[in-house]
C-alpha atoms as a PDB file:
ATOM      1  CA  MET A   1     -15.871   3.062  -2.695  1.00  0.00           C
ATOM      2  CA  THR A   2     -14.818   6.388  -4.257  1.00  0.00           C
ATOM      3  CA  GLN A   3     -14.534   8.764  -1.577  1.00  0.00           C
ATOM      4  CA  PRO A   4     -15.404  12.252  -2.933  1.00  0.00           C
ATOM      5  CA  THR A   5     -13.175  15.026  -1.480  1.00  0.00           C
ATOM      6  CA  ARG A   6     -12.491  18.722  -2.428  1.00  0.00           C
ATOM      7  CA  PRO A   7      -9.257  19.560  -3.947  1.00  0.00           C
ATOM      8  CA  ARG A   8      -6.727  20.824  -1.697  1.00  0.00           C
ATOM      9  CA  HIS A   9      -5.451  23.378  -4.209  1.00  0.00           C
ATOM     10  CA  HIS A  10      -6.897  24.887  -7.301  1.00  0.00           C
ATOM     11  CA  PRO A  11      -6.786  22.408 -10.176  1.00  0.00           C
ATOM     12  CA  ALA A  12      -4.049  22.833 -12.663  1.00  0.00           C
ATOM     13  CA  ALA A  13      -4.643  24.698 -16.066  1.00  0.00           C
ATOM     14  CA  PRO A  14      -5.812  22.084 -18.668  1.00  0.00           C
ATOM     15  CA  SER A  15      -2.535  22.311 -20.490  1.00  0.00           C
ATOM     16  CA  GLU A  16      -0.394  22.160 -17.301  1.00  0.00           C
ATOM     17  CA  ASP A  17       1.189  18.547 -16.611  1.00  0.00           C
ATOM     18  CA  VAL A  18       0.151  16.774 -13.637  1.00  0.00           C
ATOM     19  CA  VAL A  19       1.617  13.522 -12.084  1.00  0.00           C
ATOM     20  CA  LEU A  20      -0.561  10.520 -10.515  1.00  0.00           C
ATOM     21  CA  GLY A  21       0.846   8.707  -7.538  1.00  0.00           C
ATOM     22  CA  VAL A  22      -1.072   5.652  -6.398  1.00  0.00           C
ATOM     23  CA  ALA A  23      -0.529   3.388  -3.222  1.00  0.00           C
ATOM     24  CA  THR A  24      -2.114   0.156  -4.112  1.00  0.00           C
ATOM     25  CA  HIS A  25      -3.880  -2.429  -1.913  1.00  0.00           C
ATOM     26  CA  LYS A  26      -5.816  -5.497  -2.196  1.00  0.00           C
ATOM     27  CA  ASP A  27      -9.618  -4.095  -2.587  1.00  0.00           C
ATOM     28  CA  ALA A  28      -8.940  -0.291  -3.317  1.00  0.00           C
ATOM     29  CA  HIS A  29      -6.062   1.903  -4.373  1.00  0.00           C
ATOM     30  CA  VAL A  30      -5.476   5.506  -2.957  1.00  0.00           C
ATOM     31  CA  ALA A  31      -4.495   7.943  -5.649  1.00  0.00           C
ATOM     32  CA  ALA A  32      -3.018  11.498  -5.551  1.00  0.00           C
ATOM     33  CA  VAL A  33      -2.701  14.039  -8.196  1.00  0.00           C
ATOM     34  CA  ALA A  34       0.083  16.802  -8.144  1.00  0.00           C
ATOM     35  CA  THR A  35       1.473  19.513 -10.119  1.00  0.00           C
ATOM     36  CA  VAL A  36       5.046  18.509 -11.388  1.00  0.00           C
ATOM     37  CA  THR A  37       6.356  21.236  -8.955  1.00  0.00           C
ATOM     38  CA  GLY A  38       4.794  19.176  -5.997  1.00  0.00           C
ATOM     39  CA  ALA A  39       1.565  20.943  -5.059  1.00  0.00           C
ATOM     40  CA  ARG A  40      -0.994  18.448  -4.223  1.00  0.00           C
ATOM     41  CA  LEU A  41      -4.197  18.935  -6.254  1.00  0.00           C
ATOM     42  CA  ASP A  42      -6.662  16.096  -4.681  1.00  0.00           C
ATOM     43  CA  THR A  43      -6.483  12.607  -3.248  1.00  0.00           C
ATOM     44  CA  ARG A  44      -9.041   9.923  -3.591  1.00  0.00           C
ATOM     45  CA  SER A  45      -9.639   5.986  -3.445  1.00  0.00           C
ATOM     46  CA  PHE A  46     -10.820   3.548  -5.744  1.00  0.00           C
ATOM     47  CA  HIS A  47     -11.926   0.196  -6.137  1.00  0.00           C
ATOM     48  CA  ALA A  48      -9.195  -2.329  -7.355  1.00  0.00           C
ATOM     49  CA  THR A  49     -11.298  -3.276 -10.454  1.00  0.00           C
ATOM     50  CA  ARG A  50     -11.150  -2.376 -14.089  1.00  0.00           C
ATOM     51  CA  ASN A  51     -14.052  -0.001 -13.758  1.00  0.00           C
ATOM     52  CA  GLY A  52     -12.332   1.675 -10.589  1.00  0.00           C
ATOM     53  CA  TYR A  53      -8.962   1.872 -12.764  1.00  0.00           C
ATOM     54  CA  ARG A  54     -11.198   3.830 -15.392  1.00  0.00           C
ATOM     55  CA  LYS A  55     -12.654   6.195 -12.961  1.00  0.00           C
ATOM     56  CA  LEU A  56      -9.360   6.703 -11.311  1.00  0.00           C
ATOM     57  CA  LEU A  57      -7.745   7.789 -14.683  1.00  0.00           C
ATOM     58  CA  ALA A  58     -10.561   9.811 -15.585  1.00  0.00           C
ATOM     59  CA  TRP A  59     -10.267  11.506 -12.250  1.00  0.00           C
ATOM     60  CA  ALA A  60      -6.878  12.174 -12.500  1.00  0.00           C
ATOM     61  CA  ARG A  61      -7.138  13.608 -16.142  1.00  0.00           C
ATOM     62  CA  SER A  62      -9.655  15.973 -15.155  1.00  0.00           C
ATOM     63  CA  SER A  63      -6.743  17.721 -12.920  1.00  0.00           C
ATOM     64  CA  GLY A  64      -4.684  18.432 -16.070  1.00  0.00           C
ATOM     65  CA  ARG A  65      -2.551  16.722 -18.582  1.00  0.00           C
ATOM     66  CA  LEU A  66      -1.337  13.214 -17.189  1.00  0.00           C
ATOM     67  CA  ARG A  67       1.560  11.659 -18.925  1.00  0.00           C
ATOM     68  CA  ARG A  68       3.173   9.916 -16.017  1.00  0.00           C
ATOM     69  CA  ALA A  69       2.234   7.801 -12.934  1.00  0.00           C
ATOM     70  CA  GLY A  70       4.030   6.321 -10.134  1.00  0.00           C
ATOM     71  CA  ILE A  71       2.584   3.373  -8.836  1.00  0.00           C
ATOM     72  CA  GLU A  72       3.751   1.130  -6.057  1.00  0.00           C
ATOM     73  CA  CYS A  73       3.741  -2.742  -6.066  1.00  0.00           C
ATOM     74  CA  THR A  74       3.572  -3.123 -10.043  1.00  0.00           C
ATOM     75  CA  GLY A  75       4.263  -6.897  -9.866  1.00  0.00           C
ATOM     76  CA  SER A  76       1.373  -7.466  -7.420  1.00  0.00           C
ATOM     77  CA  TYR A  77      -1.455  -5.360  -6.328  1.00  0.00           C
ATOM     78  CA  GLY A  78      -0.747  -2.614  -8.779  1.00  0.00           C
ATOM     79  CA  ALA A  79      -0.077  -4.899 -11.697  1.00  0.00           C
ATOM     80  CA  ALA A  80      -3.493  -4.655 -13.242  1.00  0.00           C
ATOM     81  CA  LEU A  81      -3.439  -0.872 -12.951  1.00  0.00           C
ATOM     82  CA  THR A  82      -0.069  -0.640 -14.450  1.00  0.00           C
ATOM     83  CA  ARG A  83      -1.148  -2.546 -17.481  1.00  0.00           C
ATOM     84  CA  TYR A  84      -4.419  -0.638 -18.037  1.00  0.00           C
ATOM     85  CA  GLN A  85      -2.178   2.987 -17.427  1.00  0.00           C
ATOM     86  CA  HIS A  86       0.303   1.589 -20.153  1.00  0.00           C
ATOM     87  CA  SER A  87      -2.820   0.853 -22.281  1.00  0.00           C
ATOM     88  CA  GLU A  88      -4.048   4.393 -21.894  1.00  0.00           C
ATOM     89  CA  GLY A  89      -0.398   5.899 -23.014  1.00  0.00           C
ATOM     90  CA  ILE A  90       0.770   6.421 -19.327  1.00  0.00           C
ATOM     91  CA  THR A  91       4.398   6.038 -18.568  1.00  0.00           C
ATOM     92  CA  VAL A  92       4.402   3.989 -15.012  1.00  0.00           C
ATOM     93  CA  ILE A  93       7.203   4.357 -12.802  1.00  0.00           C
ATOM     94  CA  GLU A  94       7.381   1.798 -10.091  1.00  0.00           C
ATOM     95  CA  VAL A  95       7.660   3.161  -6.518  1.00  0.00           C
ATOM     96  CA  ASN A  96       8.574   1.198  -3.689  1.00  0.00           C
END
């Protein structure tokens, strides 16, 4: 279910920090990557499965240095994604 899209802006430099934001849903999560100054780089959706989480993280990391993610519903639909992000060294901030 990954939906290929073209970046809306040029990718960040590999050494530039980027931030991941995820809107969680039962079957799929919609993710956006932005620079720390707020320029949106790309958006995509991924299956809400372990394999989808791996693809989401690899995609986000391809945009720059990923250290932080804002994820909604970390206690329900986003719980498994939050655990996965933590296991990969990503700081997760809950977003309402």
